[in-house]
C-alpha atoms as a PDB file:
ATOM      1  CA  UNK A   1       0.000   0.000   0.000  1.00  0.00           C
ATOM      2  CA  UNK A   2       1.144   3.544  -0.718  1.00  0.00           C
ATOM      3  CA  UNK A   3       0.435   6.113   1.994  1.00  0.00           C
ATOM      4  CA  UNK A   4      -0.025   9.853   1.802  1.00  0.00           C
ATOM      5  CA  UNK A   5       2.030  10.391   4.945  1.00  0.00           C
ATOM      6  CA  UNK A   6       4.607   8.237   6.703  1.00  0.00           C
ATOM      7  CA  UNK A   7       5.569   9.515  10.161  1.00  0.00           C
ATOM      8  CA  UNK A   8       8.774   8.237  11.731  1.00  0.00           C
ATOM      9  CA  UNK A   9       8.585   8.462  15.525  1.00  0.00           C
ATOM     10  CA  UNK A  10       5.917   7.479  18.029  1.00  0.00           C
ATOM     11  CA  UNK A  11       6.440  10.090  20.725  1.00  0.00           C
ATOM     12  CA  UNK A  12       3.954  12.872  21.341  1.00  0.00           C
ATOM     13  CA  UNK A  13       5.149  14.764  18.236  1.00  0.00           C
ATOM     14  CA  UNK A  14       4.546  11.844  15.889  1.00  0.00           C
ATOM     15  CA  UNK A  15       1.279  10.672  17.460  1.00  0.00           C
ATOM     16  CA  UNK A  16      -0.260  14.163  17.515  1.00  0.00           C
ATOM     17  CA  UNK A  17       0.798  14.648  13.887  1.00  0.00           C
ATOM     18  CA  UNK A  18      -0.824  11.322  12.990  1.00  0.00           C
ATOM     19  CA  UNK A  19      -4.102  12.548  14.499  1.00  0.00           C
ATOM     20  CA  UNK A  20      -4.061  15.826  12.560  1.00  0.00           C
ATOM     21  CA  UNK A  21      -2.864  14.350   9.263  1.00  0.00           C
ATOM     22  CA  UNK A  22      -5.412  11.528   9.405  1.00  0.00           C
ATOM     23  CA  UNK A  23      -7.990  14.150   8.382  1.00  0.00           C
ATOM     24  CA  UNK A  24      -5.985  14.930   5.242  1.00  0.00           C
ATOM     25  CA  UNK A  25      -5.175  11.471   3.879  1.00  0.00           C
ATOM     26  CA  UNK A  26      -3.814   8.031   4.703  1.00  0.00           C
ATOM     27  CA  UNK A  27      -1.237   7.874   7.508  1.00  0.00           C
ATOM     28  CA  UNK A  28       1.339   5.294   8.557  1.00  0.00           C
ATOM     29  CA  UNK A  29       3.264   5.867  11.796  1.00  0.00           C
ATOM     30  CA  UNK A  30       6.384   3.814  12.467  1.00  0.00           C
ATOM     31  CA  UNK A  31       7.781   3.536  16.007  1.00  0.00           C
ATOM     32  CA  UNK A  32      10.981   1.617  16.635  1.00  0.00           C
ATOM     33  CA  UNK A  33      10.160   0.585  20.201  1.00  0.00           C
ATOM     34  CA  UNK A  34       7.562  -1.908  21.421  1.00  0.00           C
ATOM     35  CA  UNK A  35       5.207   0.827  22.599  1.00  0.00           C
ATOM     36  CA  UNK A  36       4.551   4.499  21.973  1.00  0.00           C
ATOM     37  CA  UNK A  37       6.346   7.270  23.866  1.00  0.00           C
ATOM     38  CA  UNK A  38       9.111   4.960  25.073  1.00  0.00           C
ATOM     39  CA  UNK A  39      11.891   7.531  25.184  1.00  0.00           C
ATOM     40  CA  UNK A  40      11.627  11.207  26.178  1.00  0.00           C
ATOM     41  CA  UNK A  41       7.845  11.499  25.833  1.00  0.00           C
ATOM     42  CA  UNK A  42       7.399   8.707  28.353  1.00  0.00           C
ATOM     43  CA  UNK A  43       9.764  10.388  30.844  1.00  0.00           C
ATOM     44  CA  UNK A  44       8.333  13.895  30.854  1.00  0.00           C
ATOM     45  CA  UNK A  45       7.846  16.017  33.973  1.00  0.00           C
ATOM     46  CA  UNK A  46       4.322  16.540  32.582  1.00  0.00           C
ATOM     47  CA  UNK A  47       3.925  20.246  33.314  1.00  0.00           C
ATOM     48  CA  UNK A  48       2.174  22.913  31.249  1.00  0.00           C
ATOM     49  CA  UNK A  49       4.120  26.138  31.807  1.00  0.00           C
ATOM     50  CA  UNK A  50       3.039  28.437  28.954  1.00  0.00           C
ATOM     51  CA  UNK A  51       5.757  31.040  29.634  1.00  0.00           C
ATOM     52  CA  UNK A  52       8.632  28.536  29.471  1.00  0.00           C
ATOM     53  CA  UNK A  53      11.090  28.881  26.593  1.00  0.00           C
ATOM     54  CA  UNK A  54      11.987  31.280  23.793  1.00  0.00           C
ATOM     55  CA  UNK A  55       9.263  33.404  22.109  1.00  0.00           C
ATOM     56  CA  UNK A  56       8.373  30.938  19.282  1.00  0.00           C
ATOM     57  CA  UNK A  57       8.096  28.133  21.857  1.00  0.00           C
ATOM     58  CA  UNK A  58       5.929  30.275  24.128  1.00  0.00           C
ATOM     59  CA  UNK A  59       3.691  31.118  21.145  1.00  0.00           C
ATOM     60  CA  UNK A  60       3.146  27.401  20.473  1.00  0.00           C
ATOM     61  CA  UNK A  61       2.559  26.636  24.147  1.00  0.00           C
ATOM     62  CA  UNK A  62       0.023  29.413  24.555  1.00  0.00           C
ATOM     63  CA  UNK A  63      -1.725  28.403  21.323  1.00  0.00           C
ATOM     64  CA  UNK A  64      -2.000  24.858  22.701  1.00  0.00           C
ATOM     65  CA  UNK A  65      -3.805  25.850  25.890  1.00  0.00           C
ATOM     66  CA  UNK A  66      -7.316  25.701  24.457  1.00  0.00           C
ATOM     67  CA  UNK A  67      -6.873  22.186  23.085  1.00  0.00           C
ATOM     68  CA  UNK A  68      -5.245  20.972  26.288  1.00  0.00           C
ATOM     69  CA  UNK A  69      -8.379  22.087  28.140  1.00  0.00           C
ATOM     70  CA  UNK A  70     -10.779  20.331  25.752  1.00  0.00           C
ATOM     71  CA  UNK A  71      -9.091  17.194  24.342  1.00  0.00           C
ATOM     72  CA  UNK A  72     -10.648  14.129  26.000  1.00  0.00           C
ATOM     73  CA  UNK A  73     -12.532  16.447  28.350  1.00  0.00           C
ATOM     74  CA  UNK A  74      -9.355  18.311  29.257  1.00  0.00           C
ATOM     75  CA  UNK A  75      -5.947  16.942  30.221  1.00  0.00           C
ATOM     76  CA  UNK A  76      -4.799  19.742  32.559  1.00  0.00           C
ATOM     77  CA  UNK A  77      -5.010  19.786  36.346  1.00  0.00           C
ATOM     78  CA  UNK A  78      -4.045  22.314  39.034  1.00  0.00           C
ATOM     79  CA  UNK A  79      -0.433  22.378  40.190  1.00  0.00           C
ATOM     80  CA  UNK A  80       1.233  25.805  40.373  1.00  0.00           C
ATOM     81  CA  UNK A  81       4.931  26.666  40.438  1.00  0.00           C
ATOM     82  CA  UNK A  82       6.968  27.900  43.404  1.00  0.00           C
ATOM     83  CA  UNK A  83      10.391  29.444  42.797  1.00  0.00           C
ATOM     84  CA  UNK A  84      12.800  29.549  45.757  1.00  0.00           C
ATOM     85  CA  UNK A  85      16.176  31.233  46.157  1.00  0.00           C
ATOM     86  CA  UNK A  86      18.846  32.123  48.672  1.00  0.00           C
ATOM     87  CA  UNK A  87      19.630  35.668  49.778  1.00  0.00           C
ATOM     88  CA  UNK A  88      22.615  35.881  47.388  1.00  0.00           C
ATOM     89  CA  UNK A  89      20.506  34.864  44.351  1.00  0.00           C
ATOM     90  CA  UNK A  90      18.327  37.970  44.135  1.00  0.00           C
ATOM     91  CA  UNK A  91      19.401  38.906  40.605  1.00  0.00           C
ATOM     92  CA  UNK A  92      18.698  35.474  39.136  1.00  0.00           C
ATOM     93  CA  UNK A  93      15.466  35.353  41.123  1.00  0.00           C
ATOM     94  CA  UNK A  94      14.211  38.612  39.600  1.00  0.00           C
ATOM     95  CA  UNK A  95      15.026  37.389  36.093  1.00  0.00           C
ATOM     96  CA  UNK A  96      13.188  34.093  36.597  1.00  0.00           C
ATOM     97  CA  UNK A  97      10.150  35.867  38.067  1.00  0.00           C
ATOM     98  CA  UNK A  98       9.942  38.097  35.003  1.00  0.00           C
ATOM     99  CA  UNK A  99      10.488  35.293  32.471  1.00  0.00           C
ATOM    100  CA  UNK A 100       8.001  32.902  34.059  1.00  0.00           C
ATOM    101  CA  UNK A 101       5.361  35.417  35.120  1.00  0.00           C
ATOM    102  CA  UNK A 102       5.685  34.629  38.838  1.00  0.00           C
ATOM    103  CA  UNK A 103       4.661  36.948  41.683  1.00  0.00           C
ATOM    104  CA  UNK A 104       6.857  37.268  44.797  1.00  0.00           C
ATOM    105  CA  UNK A 105       5.446  35.795  48.023  1.00  0.00           C
ATOM    106  CA  UNK A 106       6.816  35.777  51.545  1.00  0.00           C
ATOM    107  CA  UNK A 107       8.847  32.857  52.822  1.00  0.00           C
ATOM    108  CA  UNK A 108       6.046  32.064  55.258  1.00  0.00           C
ATOM    109  CA  UNK A 109       3.505  32.002  52.423  1.00  0.00           C
ATOM    110  CA  UNK A 110       5.850  29.664  50.557  1.00  0.00           C
ATOM    111  CA  UNK A 111       6.103  27.432  53.632  1.00  0.00           C
ATOM    112  CA  UNK A 112       2.321  27.308  53.822  1.00  0.00           C
ATOM    113  CA  UNK A 113       2.425  25.736  50.344  1.00  0.00           C
ATOM    114  CA  UNK A 114       5.496  23.543  50.992  1.00  0.00           C
ATOM    115  CA  UNK A 115       6.050  23.056  54.746  1.00  0.00           C
ATOM    116  CA  UNK A 116       9.456  21.389  54.334  1.00  0.00           C
ATOM    117  CA  UNK A 117      11.176  24.578  53.094  1.00  0.00           C
ATOM    118  CA  UNK A 118      14.116  25.637  55.229  1.00  0.00           C
ATOM    119  CA  UNK A 119      13.665  29.100  56.809  1.00  0.00           C
ATOM    120  CA  UNK A 120      17.427  29.411  57.251  1.00  0.00           C
ATOM    121  CA  UNK A 121      18.237  29.103  53.533  1.00  0.00           C
ATOM    122  CA  UNK A 122      15.124  30.159  51.596  1.00  0.00           C
ATOM    123  CA  UNK A 123      15.160  33.955  51.514  1.00  0.00           C
ATOM    124  CA  UNK A 124      13.117  34.624  48.367  1.00  0.00           C
ATOM    125  CA  UNK A 125      10.064  32.945  46.883  1.00  0.00           C
ATOM    126  CA  UNK A 126       7.602  33.536  44.044  1.00  0.00           C
ATOM    127  CA  UNK A 127       4.508  31.703  42.884  1.00  0.00           C
ATOM    128  CA  UNK A 128       2.370  31.293  39.781  1.00  0.00           C
ATOM    129  CA  UNK A 129      -0.892  29.366  39.573  1.00  0.00           C
ATOM    130  CA  UNK A 130      -0.781  29.207  35.765  1.00  0.00           C
ATOM    131  CA  UNK A 131       1.525  26.155  35.739  1.00  0.00           C
ATOM    132  CA  UNK A 132      -0.614  23.016  35.455  1.00  0.00           C
ATOM    133  CA  UNK A 133      -0.181  19.261  35.346  1.00  0.00           C
ATOM    134  CA  UNK A 134      -0.621  17.514  31.999  1.00  0.00           C
ATOM    135  CA  UNK A 135      -2.092  14.024  31.975  1.00  0.00           C
ATOM    136  CA  UNK A 136       0.419  12.948  29.354  1.00  0.00           C
ATOM    137  CA  UNK A 137      -0.917   9.421  28.893  1.00  0.00           C
ATOM    138  CA  UNK A 138      -4.483  10.661  28.308  1.00  0.00           C
ATOM    139  CA  UNK A 139      -3.225  13.216  25.792  1.00  0.00           C
ATOM    140  CA  UNK A 140      -1.124  10.664  23.916  1.00  0.00           C
ATOM    141  CA  UNK A 141      -3.926   8.088  23.848  1.00  0.00           C
ATOM    142  CA  UNK A 142      -6.500  10.680  22.753  1.00  0.00           C
ATOM    143  CA  UNK A 143      -4.362  11.587  19.751  1.00  0.00           C
ATOM    144  CA  UNK A 144      -3.742   7.894  18.987  1.00  0.00           C
ATOM    145  CA  UNK A 145      -7.489   7.140  19.106  1.00  0.00           C
ATOM    146  CA  UNK A 146      -8.234  10.039  16.771  1.00  0.00           C
ATOM    147  CA  UNK A 147      -5.613   8.828  14.319  1.00  0.00           C
ATOM    148  CA  UNK A 148      -6.833   5.220  14.347  1.00  0.00           C
ATOM    149  CA  UNK A 149     -10.475   6.290  14.081  1.00  0.00           C
ATOM    150  CA  UNK A 150      -9.588   8.012  10.814  1.00  0.00           C
ATOM    151  CA  UNK A 151      -7.809   4.953   9.447  1.00  0.00           C
ATOM    152  CA  UNK A 152      -4.205   5.662  10.424  1.00  0.00           C
ATOM    153  CA  UNK A 153      -1.954   2.645  10.935  1.00  0.00           C
ATOM    154  CA  UNK A 154       0.320   2.831  13.995  1.00  0.00           C
ATOM    155  CA  UNK A 155       3.047   0.203  13.979  1.00  0.00           C
ATOM    156  CA  UNK A 156       5.317  -0.341  16.978  1.00  0.00           C
ATOM    157  CA  UNK A 157       8.465  -2.451  16.925  1.00  0.00           C
ATOM    158  CA  UNK A 158       9.021  -1.059  13.433  1.00  0.00           C
ATOM    159  CA  UNK A 159      12.535   0.366  13.401  1.00  0.00           C
ATOM    160  CA  UNK A 160      13.343   2.112  10.125  1.00  0.00           C
ATOM    161  CA  UNK A 161      16.482   0.696   8.521  1.00  0.00           C
ATOM    162  CA  UNK A 162      16.382   2.250   5.068  1.00  0.00           C
ATOM    163  CA  UNK A 163      14.872   5.212   3.221  1.00  0.00           C
ATOM    164  CA  UNK A 164      15.059   5.896  -0.510  1.00  0.00           C
ATOM    165  CA  UNK A 165      13.556   8.645  -2.604  1.00  0.00           C
ATOM    166  CA  UNK A 166      11.817   7.079  -5.608  1.00  0.00           C
ATOM    167  CA  UNK A 167       9.709   8.366  -8.478  1.00  0.00           C
ATOM    168  CA  UNK A 168       7.291  10.684  -6.681  1.00  0.00           C
ATOM    169  CA  UNK A 169       7.390   8.809  -3.365  1.00  0.00           C
ATOM    170  CA  UNK A 170       9.540   7.672  -0.493  1.00  0.00           C
ATOM    171  CA  UNK A 171      10.434   4.015   0.023  1.00  0.00           C
ATOM    172  CA  UNK A 172      10.797   3.178   3.699  1.00  0.00           C
ATOM    173  CA  UNK A 173      11.998  -0.156   5.043  1.00  0.00           C
ATOM    174  CA  UNK A 174      11.014  -0.998   8.621  1.00  0.00           C
ATOM    175  CA  UNK A 175      11.058  -4.344  10.438  1.00  0.00           C
ATOM    176  CA  UNK A 176      11.675  -6.163   7.176  1.00  0.00           C
ATOM    177  CA  UNK A 177       8.705  -4.586   5.391  1.00  0.00           C
ATOM    178  CA  UNK A 178       8.778  -2.000   2.610  1.00  0.00           C
ATOM    179  CA  UNK A 179       6.387   0.967   2.643  1.00  0.00           C
ATOM    180  CA  UNK A 180       5.774   3.812   0.210  1.00  0.00           C
ATOM    181  CA  UNK A 181       4.623   7.322   1.047  1.00  0.00           C
ATOM    182  CA  UNK A 182       4.187  10.651  -0.721  1.00  0.00           C
ATOM    183  CA  UNK A 183       5.338  12.714   2.287  1.00  0.00           C
ATOM    184  CA  UNK A 184       7.862  11.656   4.938  1.00  0.00           C
ATOM    185  CA  UNK A 185       7.419  13.304   8.360  1.00  0.00           C
ATOM    186  CA  UNK A 186      10.508  13.223  10.570  1.00  0.00           C
ATOM    187  CA  UNK A 187       9.284  13.154  14.182  1.00  0.00           C
ATOM    188  CA  UNK A 188      12.132  10.953  15.378  1.00  0.00           C
ATOM    189  CA  UNK A 189      13.206  13.016  18.400  1.00  0.00           C
ATOM    190  CA  UNK A 190      16.852  12.382  19.282  1.00  0.00           C
ATOM    191  CA  UNK A 191      17.200  10.368  16.059  1.00  0.00           C
ATOM    192  CA  UNK A 192      15.923  13.186  13.769  1.00  0.00           C
ATOM    193  CA  UNK A 193      19.304  13.866  12.172  1.00  0.00           C
ATOM    194  CA  UNK A 194      19.941  10.132  11.702  1.00  0.00           C
ATOM    195  CA  UNK A 195      16.613   9.795   9.870  1.00  0.00           C
ATOM    196  CA  UNK A 196      17.527  12.776   7.695  1.00  0.00           C
ATOM    197  CA  UNK A 197      20.883  11.241   6.780  1.00  0.00           C
ATOM    198  CA  UNK A 198      19.182   7.944   5.960  1.00  0.00           C
ATOM    199  CA  UNK A 199      16.864   9.861   3.608  1.00  0.00           C
ATOM    200  CA  UNK A 200      19.715  11.764   1.957  1.00  0.00           C
ATOM    201  CA  UNK A 201      18.626  15.055   3.551  1.00  0.00           C
ATOM    202  CA  UNK A 202      21.068  17.488   5.166  1.00  0.00           C
ATOM    203  CA  UNK A 203      20.982  17.134   9.005  1.00  0.00           C
ATOM    204  CA  UNK A 204      20.248  20.294  10.977  1.00  0.00           C
ATOM    205  CA  UNK A 205      22.512  19.757  13.977  1.00  0.00           C
ATOM    206  CA  UNK A 206      20.167  18.536  16.685  1.00  0.00           C
ATOM    207  CA  UNK A 207      21.714  17.853  20.091  1.00  0.00           C
ATOM    208  CA  UNK A 208      20.155  15.432  22.592  1.00  0.00           C
ATOM    209  CA  UNK A 209      20.645  16.703  26.148  1.00  0.00           C
ATOM    210  CA  UNK A 210      20.335  14.249  29.018  1.00  0.00           C
ATOM    211  CA  UNK A 211      18.143  15.050  32.016  1.00  0.00           C
ATOM    212  CA  UNK A 212      18.181  12.769  35.057  1.00  0.00           C
ATOM    213  CA  UNK A 213      15.313  12.164  37.492  1.00  0.00           C
ATOM    214  CA  UNK A 214      14.878  10.510  40.887  1.00  0.00           C
ATOM    215  CA  UNK A 215      11.636   9.392  42.518  1.00  0.00           C
ATOM    216  CA  UNK A 216      11.765   9.965  46.273  1.00  0.00           C
ATOM    217  CA  UNK A 217       9.364   8.936  49.021  1.00  0.00           C
ATOM    218  CA  UNK A 218       7.187  11.764  50.324  1.00  0.00           C
ATOM    219  CA  UNK A 219       9.293  13.643  52.908  1.00  0.00           C
ATOM    220  CA  UNK A 220       8.106  12.590  56.357  1.00  0.00           C
ATOM    221  CA  UNK A 221       5.166  10.786  54.778  1.00  0.00           C
ATOM    222  CA  UNK A 222       3.567  14.164  53.916  1.00  0.00           C
ATOM    223  CA  UNK A 223       0.508  14.454  51.670  1.00  0.00           C
ATOM    224  CA  UNK A 224       1.994  16.090  48.567  1.00  0.00           C
ATOM    225  CA  UNK A 225      -1.174  16.301  46.478  1.00  0.00           C
ATOM    226  CA  UNK A 226      -1.608  20.058  46.946  1.00  0.00           C
ATOM    227  CA  UNK A 227       2.037  21.033  46.646  1.00  0.00           C
ATOM    228  CA  UNK A 228       3.198  23.055  43.638  1.00  0.00           C
ATOM    229  CA  UNK A 229       6.228  22.227  41.541  1.00  0.00           C
ATOM    230  CA  UNK A 230       9.235  23.677  43.380  1.00  0.00           C
ATOM    231  CA  UNK A 231      12.155  25.050  41.385  1.00  0.00           C
ATOM    232  CA  UNK A 232      15.555  26.508  42.205  1.00  0.00           C
ATOM    233  CA  UNK A 233      16.630  29.707  40.457  1.00  0.00           C
ATOM    234  CA  UNK A 234      18.121  29.285  37.014  1.00  0.00           C
ATOM    235  CA  UNK A 235      16.307  25.949  36.798  1.00  0.00           C
ATOM    236  CA  UNK A 236      19.157  24.467  38.836  1.00  0.00           C
ATOM    237  CA  UNK A 237      16.801  21.747  40.171  1.00  0.00           C
ATOM    238  CA  UNK A 238      13.102  21.081  40.492  1.00  0.00           C
ATOM    239  CA  UNK A 239      10.837  18.837  42.525  1.00  0.00           C
ATOM    240  CA  UNK A 240       7.320  17.830  41.501  1.00  0.00           C
ATOM    241  CA  UNK A 241       4.693  15.756  43.320  1.00  0.00           C
ATOM    242  CA  UNK A 242       3.796  12.635  41.375  1.00  0.00           C
ATOM    243  CA  UNK A 243       1.518   9.790  42.482  1.00  0.00           C
ATOM    244  CA  UNK A 244       2.227  10.265  46.190  1.00  0.00           C
ATOM    245  CA  UNK A 245       5.984  10.634  45.737  1.00  0.00           C
ATOM    246  CA  UNK A 246       8.331  13.449  44.784  1.00  0.00           C
ATOM    247  CA  UNK A 247      10.204  13.561  41.480  1.00  0.00           C
ATOM    248  CA  UNK A 248      13.447  15.512  41.832  1.00  0.00           C
ATOM    249  CA  UNK A 249      15.688  16.474  38.928  1.00  0.00           C
ATOM    250  CA  UNK A 250      19.045  18.267  38.819  1.00  0.00           C
ATOM    251  CA  UNK A 251      17.712  19.787  35.563  1.00  0.00           C
ATOM    252  CA  UNK A 252      21.024  19.110  33.845  1.00  0.00           C
ATOM    253  CA  UNK A 253      21.523  19.525  30.111  1.00  0.00           C
ATOM    254  CA  UNK A 254      24.489  17.314  29.355  1.00  0.00           C
ATOM    255  CA  UNK A 255      25.136  16.749  25.623  1.00  0.00           C
ATOM    256  CA  UNK A 256      24.545  13.129  24.698  1.00  0.00           C
ATOM    257  CA  UNK A 257      23.789  10.936  21.677  1.00  0.00           C
ATOM    258  CA  UNK A 258      20.619   9.137  20.552  1.00  0.00           C
ATOM    259  CA  UNK A 259      20.117   6.166  22.870  1.00  0.00           C
ATOM    260  CA  UNK A 260      17.931   4.807  25.659  1.00  0.00           C
ATOM    261  CA  UNK A 261      19.224   7.206  28.310  1.00  0.00           C
ATOM    262  CA  UNK A 262      19.928   6.399  31.936  1.00  0.00           C
ATOM    263  CA  UNK A 263      20.514   8.634  34.958  1.00  0.00           C
ATOM    264  CA  UNK A 264      23.992   9.814  35.908  1.00  0.00           C
ATOM    265  CA  UNK A 265      24.384   9.033  39.620  1.00  0.00           C
ATOM    266  CA  UNK A 266      26.930  11.794  40.259  1.00  0.00           C
ATOM    267  CA  UNK A 267      24.830  14.439  38.517  1.00  0.00           C
ATOM    268  CA  UNK A 268      21.777  13.246  40.449  1.00  0.00           C
ATOM    269  CA  UNK A 269      23.677  13.483  43.726  1.00  0.00           C
ATOM    270  CA  UNK A 270      24.724  17.063  42.924  1.00  0.00           C
ATOM    271  CA  UNK A 271      21.140  18.018  42.071  1.00  0.00           C
ATOM    272  CA  UNK A 272      19.779  16.397  45.213  1.00  0.00           C
ATOM    273  CA  UNK A 273      22.350  18.368  47.209  1.00  0.00           C
ATOM    274  CA  UNK A 274      21.069  21.636  45.706  1.00  0.00           C
ATOM    275  CA  UNK A 275      17.514  20.605  46.599  1.00  0.00           C
ATOM    276  CA  UNK A 276      18.642  19.590  50.095  1.00  0.00           C
ATOM    277  CA  UNK A 277      19.987  23.103  50.750  1.00  0.00           C
ATOM    278  CA  UNK A 278      16.457  24.499  50.517  1.00  0.00           C
ATOM    279  CA  UNK A 279      14.521  21.915  52.561  1.00  0.00           C
ATOM    280  CA  UNK A 280      14.683  20.571  56.100  1.00  0.00           C
ATOM    281  CA  UNK A 281      14.114  16.782  55.908  1.00  0.00           C
ATOM    282  CA  UNK A 282      17.228  14.836  54.902  1.00  0.00           C
ATOM    283  CA  UNK A 283      17.227  13.341  51.418  1.00  0.00           C
ATOM    284  CA  UNK A 284      16.566   9.612  51.472  1.00  0.00           C
ATOM    285  CA  UNK A 285      17.540   6.861  49.050  1.00  0.00           C
ATOM    286  CA  UNK A 286      15.701   7.192  45.703  1.00  0.00           C
ATOM    287  CA  UNK A 287      12.917   4.724  44.969  1.00  0.00           C
ATOM    288  CA  UNK A 288      13.877   4.799  41.285  1.00  0.00           C
ATOM    289  CA  UNK A 289      16.029   6.813  38.876  1.00  0.00           C
ATOM    290  CA  UNK A 290      15.844   7.365  35.135  1.00  0.00           C
ATOM    291  CA  UNK A 291      16.746   9.873  32.444  1.00  0.00           C
ATOM    292  CA  UNK A 292      15.435  11.244  29.175  1.00  0.00           C
ATOM    293  CA  UNK A 293      16.898  13.085  26.199  1.00  0.00           C
ATOM    294  CA  UNK A 294      15.607  16.582  25.496  1.00  0.00           C
ATOM    295  CA  UNK A 295      16.637  17.211  21.894  1.00  0.00           C
ATOM    296  CA  UNK A 296      17.188  20.774  20.695  1.00  0.00           C
ATOM    297  CA  UNK A 297      17.986  22.455  17.394  1.00  0.00           C
ATOM    298  CA  UNK A 298      21.016  24.786  17.507  1.00  0.00           C
ATOM    299  CA  UNK A 299      18.801  27.785  18.407  1.00  0.00           C
ATOM    300  CA  UNK A 300      16.638  25.805  20.915  1.00  0.00           C
ATOM    301  CA  UNK A 301      13.462  26.385  18.892  1.00  0.00           C
ATOM    302  CA  UNK A 302      11.309  23.613  17.396  1.00  0.00           C
ATOM    303  CA  UNK A 303      11.713  22.829  13.702  1.00  0.00           C
ATOM    304  CA  UNK A 304       8.403  22.510  11.848  1.00  0.00           C
ATOM    305  CA  UNK A 305       8.141  22.627   8.091  1.00  0.00           C
ATOM    306  CA  UNK A 306       9.252  21.128   4.773  1.00  0.00           C
ATOM    307  CA  UNK A 307      12.940  20.800   4.079  1.00  0.00           C
ATOM    308  CA  UNK A 308      13.980  23.648   1.735  1.00  0.00           C
ATOM    309  CA  UNK A 309      15.864  21.295  -0.581  1.00  0.00           C
ATOM    310  CA  UNK A 310      13.494  18.322  -0.404  1.00  0.00           C
ATOM    311  CA  UNK A 311       9.930  19.616   0.231  1.00  0.00           C
ATOM    312  CA  UNK A 312       8.448  16.111   0.536  1.00  0.00           C
ATOM    313  CA  UNK A 313      10.623  15.620   3.647  1.00  0.00           C
ATOM    314  CA  UNK A 314       8.865  17.360   6.551  1.00  0.00           C
ATOM    315  CA  UNK A 315      10.618  18.239   9.811  1.00  0.00           C
ATOM    316  CA  UNK A 316       8.727  17.963  13.112  1.00  0.00           C
ATOM    317  CA  UNK A 317      11.603  17.856  15.568  1.00  0.00           C
ATOM    318  CA  UNK A 318      13.572  19.666  18.248  1.00  0.00           C
ATOM    319  CA  UNK A 319      10.782  19.674  20.847  1.00  0.00           C
ATOM    320  CA  UNK A 320      13.323  19.796  23.672  1.00  0.00           C
ATOM    321  CA  UNK A 321      11.442  19.925  26.954  1.00  0.00           C
ATOM    322  CA  UNK A 322       8.307  21.391  25.374  1.00  0.00           C
ATOM    323  CA  UNK A 323       6.879  18.424  23.464  1.00  0.00           C
ATOM    324  CA  UNK A 324       3.655  17.794  25.342  1.00  0.00           C
ATOM    325  CA  UNK A 325       2.765  21.395  26.042  1.00  0.00           C
ATOM    326  CA  UNK A 326       3.292  22.460  22.408  1.00  0.00           C
ATOM    327  CA  UNK A 327       1.923  19.325  20.710  1.00  0.00           C
ATOM    328  CA  UNK A 328      -1.616  20.561  19.920  1.00  0.00           C
ATOM    329  CA  UNK A 329      -0.427  23.728  18.163  1.00  0.00           C
ATOM    330  CA  UNK A 330       2.715  22.146  16.675  1.00  0.00           C
ATOM    331  CA  UNK A 331       0.746  19.287  15.083  1.00  0.00           C
ATOM    332  CA  UNK A 332      -1.928  21.684  13.848  1.00  0.00           C
ATOM    333  CA  UNK A 333       0.731  23.859  12.233  1.00  0.00           C
ATOM    334  CA  UNK A 334       2.247  20.793  10.568  1.00  0.00           C
ATOM    335  CA  UNK A 335      -1.147  19.828   9.157  1.00  0.00           C
ATOM    336  CA  UNK A 336      -1.831  23.367   7.956  1.00  0.00           C
ATOM    337  CA  UNK A 337       1.516  23.562   6.169  1.00  0.00           C
ATOM    338  CA  UNK A 338       1.083  20.148   4.548  1.00  0.00           C
ATOM    339  CA  UNK A 339      -2.480  20.962   3.492  1.00  0.00           C
ATOM    340  CA  UNK A 340      -1.533  24.376   2.127  1.00  0.00           C
ATOM    341  CA  UNK A 341      -3.917  26.020   4.603  1.00  0.00           C
ATOM    342  CA  UNK A 342      -3.038  29.427   6.106  1.00  0.00           C
ATOM    343  CA  UNK A 343      -1.714  28.626   9.609  1.00  0.00           C
ATOM    344  CA  UNK A 344      -3.656  29.868  12.622  1.00  0.00           C
ATOM    345  CA  UNK A 345      -0.414  30.974  14.271  1.00  0.00           C
ATOM    346  CA  UNK A 346       1.245  34.252  13.200  1.00  0.00           C
ATOM    347  CA  UNK A 347       3.638  34.442  10.252  1.00  0.00           C
ATOM    348  CA  UNK A 348       6.650  35.510  12.291  1.00  0.00           C
ATOM    349  CA  UNK A 349       6.357  32.413  14.482  1.00  0.00           C
ATOM    350  CA  UNK A 350       5.883  30.161  11.448  1.00  0.00           C
ATOM    351  CA  UNK A 351       9.086  31.591   9.953  1.00  0.00           C
ATOM    352  CA  UNK A 352      10.944  31.203  13.259  1.00  0.00           C
ATOM    353  CA  UNK A 353       9.976  27.515  13.331  1.00  0.00           C
ATOM    354  CA  UNK A 354      10.759  26.753   9.684  1.00  0.00           C
ATOM    355  CA  UNK A 355      13.840  24.666   8.789  1.00  0.00           C
ATOM    356  CA  UNK A 356      14.561  27.319   6.124  1.00  0.00           C
ATOM    357  CA  UNK A 357      16.008  29.478   8.914  1.00  0.00           C
ATOM    358  CA  UNK A 358      19.139  27.315   8.836  1.00  0.00           C
ATOM    359  CA  UNK A 359      19.846  28.201   5.203  1.00  0.00           C
END
């Protein structure tokens, strides 16, 4: 069978694109792993922070808010964000407050939200209620259901091993089977440049950055359900309630390579030490640790659009840490561009996202 669209990558970028493109024609999605969202999408901190990132990223995040509140009855839930800093971090604190739209609160108000904060070290605090949890599994499955309902085929365990450009179509070999498609959509995350090379398209210079995470027992057995996400200035660490436990990350961005990432114990220990400085209960042994790869283009902005030299090769990559919160608007933009429909998002943002910006 020949498909209109073949999407390589079964993370949130690829699955949301499959949902949108299934309204335009036949869709085949190929995911190398045994299930969807195995890599970075499945290891997300699952927060909607619409002010997080550079202006084109913020534009996509804000444009996604409406869909995130309506898809499958809404996939957002209350969380909030609390920024904490020491007395010598006032300059960084002011910059973060401005960038993230947070309002200063007293240390005592902060302790009312998170009772474990250390009065001796936390000198500055700010809060924003606009940060919300994303039910990432519900969002992913809602997009997958929409795609399948419209006839899309989603194949897992289908690692792509060869791509050739034929007469008017792409020939894609995956798991020993050959497929043909008019348009190839590269939503391969950390492997986006490898897919491009396989297709004979110039790579754009994506860099996977490792981020480690640790799941910790609730400090002192506290009920964490109403706590906000807590973050150190400069995103030097963060802690987020999750299913009765606390996820803590050193928020590192260590350059890596495309692979099934694992946590760096030393980096985790350093991040936990930064967290420990701001709280009273001693850090305990992690319940579990893991890592994900947040893949960025050289300018840290998503890449969405046809390749300038090979227009039938469509980039949908470089989501970094913004994949879930931008996915509704990013996938809609991809569908608009592929359908030749005027995008809902402004022209300047479309240009800032286009792969043509790399020359």
